[in-house]
């Protein structure tokens, strides 16, 4: 989970690519896992890092 989050933070891969790379069964599984653990969807997390609303 931490590696997937680090990939999202780096901004070098899409959410789909991160899900595939870290062997989540599908993108929905990654989204639910990130939201459950960090309280944000992957997209919200990336936007937060970039300072966008």
PDB file of N, CA and C in Angstrom:
ATOM      1  N   UNK A   1       0.821  -1.172   0.000  1.00  0.00           N
ATOM      2  CA  UNK A   1       0.000   0.000   0.000  1.00  0.00           C
ATOM      3  C   UNK A   1       0.876   1.251   0.000  1.00  0.00           C
ATOM      4  N   UNK A   2       1.924   1.222   0.781  1.00  0.00           N
ATOM      5  CA  UNK A   2       2.818   2.382   0.827  1.00  0.00           C
ATOM      6  C   UNK A   2       3.520   2.604  -0.513  1.00  0.00           C
ATOM      7  N   UNK A   3       3.870   1.540  -1.189  1.00  0.00           N
ATOM      8  CA  UNK A   3       4.525   1.664  -2.497  1.00  0.00           C
ATOM      9  C   UNK A   3       3.560   2.210  -3.537  1.00  0.00           C
ATOM     10  N   UNK A   4       2.319   1.767  -3.480  1.00  0.00           N
ATOM     11  CA  UNK A   4       1.306   2.288  -4.401  1.00  0.00           C
ATOM     12  C   UNK A   4       1.103   3.775  -4.138  1.00  0.00           C
ATOM     13  N   UNK A   5       1.025   4.144  -2.882  1.00  0.00           N
ATOM     14  CA  UNK A   5       0.850   5.558  -2.530  1.00  0.00           C
ATOM     15  C   UNK A   5       2.055   6.384  -2.992  1.00  0.00           C
ATOM     16  N   UNK A   6       3.246   5.834  -2.844  1.00  0.00           N
ATOM     17  CA  UNK A   6       4.454   6.533  -3.297  1.00  0.00           C
ATOM     18  C   UNK A   6       4.435   6.729  -4.809  1.00  0.00           C
ATOM     19  N   UNK A   7       3.973   5.723  -5.543  1.00  0.00           N
ATOM     20  CA  UNK A   7       3.863   5.856  -7.003  1.00  0.00           C
ATOM     21  C   UNK A   7       2.872   6.950  -7.373  1.00  0.00           C
ATOM     22  N   UNK A   8       1.752   7.005  -6.666  1.00  0.00           N
ATOM     23  CA  UNK A   8       0.767   8.060  -6.932  1.00  0.00           C
ATOM     24  C   UNK A   8       1.373   9.433  -6.636  1.00  0.00           C
ATOM     25  N   UNK A   9       2.101   9.524  -5.531  1.00  0.00           N
ATOM     26  CA  UNK A   9       2.717  10.798  -5.142  1.00  0.00           C
ATOM     27  C   UNK A   9       3.758  11.249  -6.154  1.00  0.00           C
ATOM     28  N   UNK A  10       4.459  10.297  -6.746  1.00  0.00           N
ATOM     29  CA  UNK A  10       5.498  10.634  -7.721  1.00  0.00           C
ATOM     30  C   UNK A  10       4.899  11.187  -9.009  1.00  0.00           C
ATOM     31  N   UNK A  11       3.646  10.813  -9.272  1.00  0.00           N
ATOM     32  CA  UNK A  11       2.958  11.341 -10.448  1.00  0.00           C
ATOM     33  C   UNK A  11       3.433  10.789 -11.776  1.00  0.00           C
ATOM     34  N   UNK A  12       4.154   9.690 -11.751  1.00  0.00           N
ATOM     35  CA  UNK A  12       4.676   9.116 -12.992  1.00  0.00           C
ATOM     36  C   UNK A  12       3.764   8.048 -13.588  1.00  0.00           C
ATOM     37  N   UNK A  13       2.678   7.712 -12.874  1.00  0.00           N
ATOM     38  CA  UNK A  13       1.799   6.649 -13.357  1.00  0.00           C
ATOM     39  C   UNK A  13       0.348   7.009 -13.060  1.00  0.00           C
ATOM     40  N   UNK A  14      -0.534   6.485 -13.873  1.00  0.00           N
ATOM     41  CA  UNK A  14      -1.962   6.688 -13.643  1.00  0.00           C
ATOM     42  C   UNK A  14      -2.424   5.744 -12.526  1.00  0.00           C
ATOM     43  N   UNK A  15      -3.614   5.997 -12.029  1.00  0.00           N
ATOM     44  CA  UNK A  15      -4.176   5.127 -11.003  1.00  0.00           C
ATOM     45  C   UNK A  15      -4.287   3.698 -11.540  1.00  0.00           C
ATOM     46  N   UNK A  16      -4.698   3.549 -12.784  1.00  0.00           N
ATOM     47  CA  UNK A  16      -4.794   2.217 -13.401  1.00  0.00           C
ATOM     48  C   UNK A  16      -3.433   1.531 -13.459  1.00  0.00           C
ATOM     49  N   UNK A  17      -2.413   2.269 -13.824  1.00  0.00           N
ATOM     50  CA  UNK A  17      -1.065   1.698 -13.912  1.00  0.00           C
ATOM     51  C   UNK A  17      -0.559   1.279 -12.536  1.00  0.00           C
ATOM     52  N   UNK A  18      -0.836   2.097 -11.532  1.00  0.00           N
ATOM     53  CA  UNK A  18      -0.416   1.764 -10.162  1.00  0.00           C
ATOM     54  C   UNK A  18      -1.143   0.503  -9.689  1.00  0.00           C
ATOM     55  N   UNK A  19      -2.447   0.416  -9.957  1.00  0.00           N
ATOM     56  CA  UNK A  19      -3.213  -0.770  -9.564  1.00  0.00           C
ATOM     57  C   UNK A  19      -2.632  -2.025 -10.199  1.00  0.00           C
ATOM     58  N   UNK A  20      -2.304  -1.953 -11.466  1.00  0.00           N
ATOM     59  CA  UNK A  20      -1.733  -3.108 -12.160  1.00  0.00           C
ATOM     60  C   UNK A  20      -0.337  -3.437 -11.631  1.00  0.00           C
ATOM     61  N   UNK A  21       0.462  -2.414 -11.427  1.00  0.00           N
ATOM     62  CA  UNK A  21       1.841  -2.640 -10.981  1.00  0.00           C
ATOM     63  C   UNK A  21       1.892  -3.344  -9.634  1.00  0.00           C
ATOM     64  N   UNK A  22       1.011  -2.962  -8.725  1.00  0.00           N
ATOM     65  CA  UNK A  22       1.041  -3.516  -7.375  1.00  0.00           C
ATOM     66  C   UNK A  22       0.004  -4.620  -7.177  1.00  0.00           C
ATOM     67  N   UNK A  23      -0.478  -5.151  -8.291  1.00  0.00           N
ATOM     68  CA  UNK A  23      -1.297  -6.364  -8.335  1.00  0.00           C
ATOM     69  C   UNK A  23      -2.613  -6.275  -7.558  1.00  0.00           C
ATOM     70  N   UNK A  24      -3.241  -5.109  -7.616  1.00  0.00           N
ATOM     71  CA  UNK A  24      -4.607  -5.012  -7.122  1.00  0.00           C
ATOM     72  C   UNK A  24      -5.483  -5.692  -8.169  1.00  0.00           C
ATOM     73  N   UNK A  25      -6.568  -6.297  -7.733  1.00  0.00           N
ATOM     74  CA  UNK A  25      -7.399  -7.047  -8.679  1.00  0.00           C
ATOM     75  C   UNK A  25      -7.986  -6.145  -9.757  1.00  0.00           C
ATOM     76  N   UNK A  26      -8.253  -4.901  -9.403  1.00  0.00           N
ATOM     77  CA  UNK A  26      -8.705  -3.917 -10.383  1.00  0.00           C
ATOM     78  C   UNK A  26      -8.571  -2.525  -9.773  1.00  0.00           C
ATOM     79  N   UNK A  27      -8.855  -1.512 -10.561  1.00  0.00           N
ATOM     80  CA  UNK A  27      -8.694  -0.137 -10.109  1.00  0.00           C
ATOM     81  C   UNK A  27      -9.614   0.175  -8.929  1.00  0.00           C
ATOM     82  N   UNK A  28     -10.817  -0.409  -8.932  1.00  0.00           N
ATOM     83  CA  UNK A  28     -11.766  -0.169  -7.840  1.00  0.00           C
ATOM     84  C   UNK A  28     -11.209  -0.645  -6.506  1.00  0.00           C
ATOM     85  N   UNK A  29     -10.508  -1.751  -6.529  1.00  0.00           N
ATOM     86  CA  UNK A  29      -9.905  -2.287  -5.301  1.00  0.00           C
ATOM     87  C   UNK A  29      -8.852  -1.313  -4.763  1.00  0.00           C
ATOM     88  N   UNK A  30      -8.030  -0.778  -5.634  1.00  0.00           N
ATOM     89  CA  UNK A  30      -7.027   0.203  -5.209  1.00  0.00           C
ATOM     90  C   UNK A  30      -7.710   1.451  -4.648  1.00  0.00           C
ATOM     91  N   UNK A  31      -8.719   1.945  -5.334  1.00  0.00           N
ATOM     92  CA  UNK A  31      -9.413   3.149  -4.876  1.00  0.00           C
ATOM     93  C   UNK A  31      -9.999   2.924  -3.479  1.00  0.00           C
ATOM     94  N   UNK A  32     -10.677   1.804  -3.279  1.00  0.00           N
ATOM     95  CA  UNK A  32     -11.270   1.513  -1.965  1.00  0.00           C
ATOM     96  C   UNK A  32     -10.193   1.382  -0.889  1.00  0.00           C
ATOM     97  N   UNK A  33      -9.097   0.725  -1.212  1.00  0.00           N
ATOM     98  CA  UNK A  33      -8.027   0.524  -0.238  1.00  0.00           C
ATOM     99  C   UNK A  33      -7.388   1.852   0.163  1.00  0.00           C
ATOM    100  N   UNK A  34      -7.121   2.716  -0.809  1.00  0.00           N
ATOM    101  CA  UNK A  34      -6.520   4.023  -0.511  1.00  0.00           C
ATOM    102  C   UNK A  34      -7.485   4.861   0.322  1.00  0.00           C
ATOM    103  N   UNK A  35      -8.750   4.883  -0.063  1.00  0.00           N
ATOM    104  CA  UNK A  35      -9.737   5.675   0.668  1.00  0.00           C
ATOM    105  C   UNK A  35      -9.898   5.166   2.096  1.00  0.00           C
ATOM    106  N   UNK A  36      -9.916   3.862   2.265  1.00  0.00           N
ATOM    107  CA  UNK A  36     -10.060   3.274   3.588  1.00  0.00           C
ATOM    108  C   UNK A  36      -8.869   3.612   4.482  1.00  0.00           C
ATOM    109  N   UNK A  37      -7.679   3.538   3.921  1.00  0.00           N
ATOM    110  CA  UNK A  37      -6.475   3.739   4.722  1.00  0.00           C
ATOM    111  C   UNK A  37      -6.122   5.212   4.926  1.00  0.00           C
ATOM    112  N   UNK A  38      -6.315   6.033   3.887  1.00  0.00           N
ATOM    113  CA  UNK A  38      -5.850   7.416   3.950  1.00  0.00           C
ATOM    114  C   UNK A  38      -6.971   8.453   3.946  1.00  0.00           C
ATOM    115  N   UNK A  39      -8.222   8.003   3.793  1.00  0.00           N
ATOM    116  CA  UNK A  39      -9.350   8.925   3.845  1.00  0.00           C
ATOM    117  C   UNK A  39      -9.566   9.750   2.591  1.00  0.00           C
ATOM    118  N   UNK A  40      -8.884   9.406   1.516  1.00  0.00           N
ATOM    119  CA  UNK A  40      -9.001  10.110   0.238  1.00  0.00           C
ATOM    120  C   UNK A  40      -8.919   9.093  -0.889  1.00  0.00           C
ATOM    121  N   UNK A  41      -9.557   9.421  -2.011  1.00  0.00           N
ATOM    122  CA  UNK A  41      -9.365   8.590  -3.190  1.00  0.00           C
ATOM    123  C   UNK A  41      -7.968   8.895  -3.746  1.00  0.00           C
ATOM    124  N   UNK A  42      -7.447   8.039  -4.602  1.00  0.00           N
ATOM    125  CA  UNK A  42      -6.139   8.333  -5.198  1.00  0.00           C
ATOM    126  C   UNK A  42      -6.124   9.679  -5.934  1.00  0.00           C
ATOM    127  N   UNK A  43      -7.198   9.997  -6.639  1.00  0.00           N
ATOM    128  CA  UNK A  43      -7.262  11.271  -7.367  1.00  0.00           C
ATOM    129  C   UNK A  43      -7.242  12.444  -6.400  1.00  0.00           C
ATOM    130  N   UNK A  44      -7.999  12.354  -5.313  1.00  0.00           N
ATOM    131  CA  UNK A  44      -8.008  13.420  -4.311  1.00  0.00           C
ATOM    132  C   UNK A  44      -6.611  13.583  -3.704  1.00  0.00           C
ATOM    133  N   UNK A  45      -5.954  12.468  -3.455  1.00  0.00           N
ATOM    134  CA  UNK A  45      -4.606  12.501  -2.890  1.00  0.00           C
ATOM    135  C   UNK A  45      -3.633  13.217  -3.816  1.00  0.00           C
ATOM    136  N   UNK A  46      -3.675  12.875  -5.090  1.00  0.00           N
ATOM    137  CA  UNK A  46      -2.783  13.503  -6.062  1.00  0.00           C
ATOM    138  C   UNK A  46      -3.074  15.000  -6.170  1.00  0.00           C
ATOM    139  N   UNK A  47      -4.345  15.350  -6.208  1.00  0.00           N
ATOM    140  CA  UNK A  47      -4.717  16.777  -6.273  1.00  0.00           C
ATOM    141  C   UNK A  47      -4.245  17.518  -5.029  1.00  0.00           C
ATOM    142  N   UNK A  48      -4.400  16.878  -3.860  1.00  0.00           N
ATOM    143  CA  UNK A  48      -3.950  17.492  -2.606  1.00  0.00           C
ATOM    144  C   UNK A  48      -2.447  17.753  -2.655  1.00  0.00           C
ATOM    145  N   UNK A  49      -1.700  16.791  -3.159  1.00  0.00           N
ATOM    146  CA  UNK A  49      -0.240  16.960  -3.265  1.00  0.00           C
ATOM    147  C   UNK A  49       0.137  18.115  -4.190  1.00  0.00           C
ATOM    148  N   UNK A  50      -0.644  18.277  -5.245  1.00  0.00           N
ATOM    149  CA  UNK A  50      -0.317  19.322  -6.215  1.00  0.00           C
ATOM    150  C   UNK A  50      -0.854  20.690  -5.793  1.00  0.00           C
ATOM    151  N   UNK A  51      -1.637  20.716  -4.707  1.00  0.00           N
ATOM    152  CA  UNK A  51      -2.169  21.981  -4.233  1.00  0.00           C
ATOM    153  C   UNK A  51      -3.420  22.434  -4.948  1.00  0.00           C
ATOM    154  N   UNK A  52      -4.004  21.571  -5.766  1.00  0.00           N
ATOM    155  CA  UNK A  52      -5.240  21.899  -6.489  1.00  0.00           C
ATOM    156  C   UNK A  52      -6.435  21.533  -5.643  1.00  0.00           C
ATOM    157  N   UNK A  53      -7.559  22.159  -5.947  1.00  0.00           N
ATOM    158  CA  UNK A  53      -8.790  21.839  -5.198  1.00  0.00           C
ATOM    159  C   UNK A  53      -9.456  20.632  -5.756  1.00  0.00           C
TER     160      UNK A  53
END
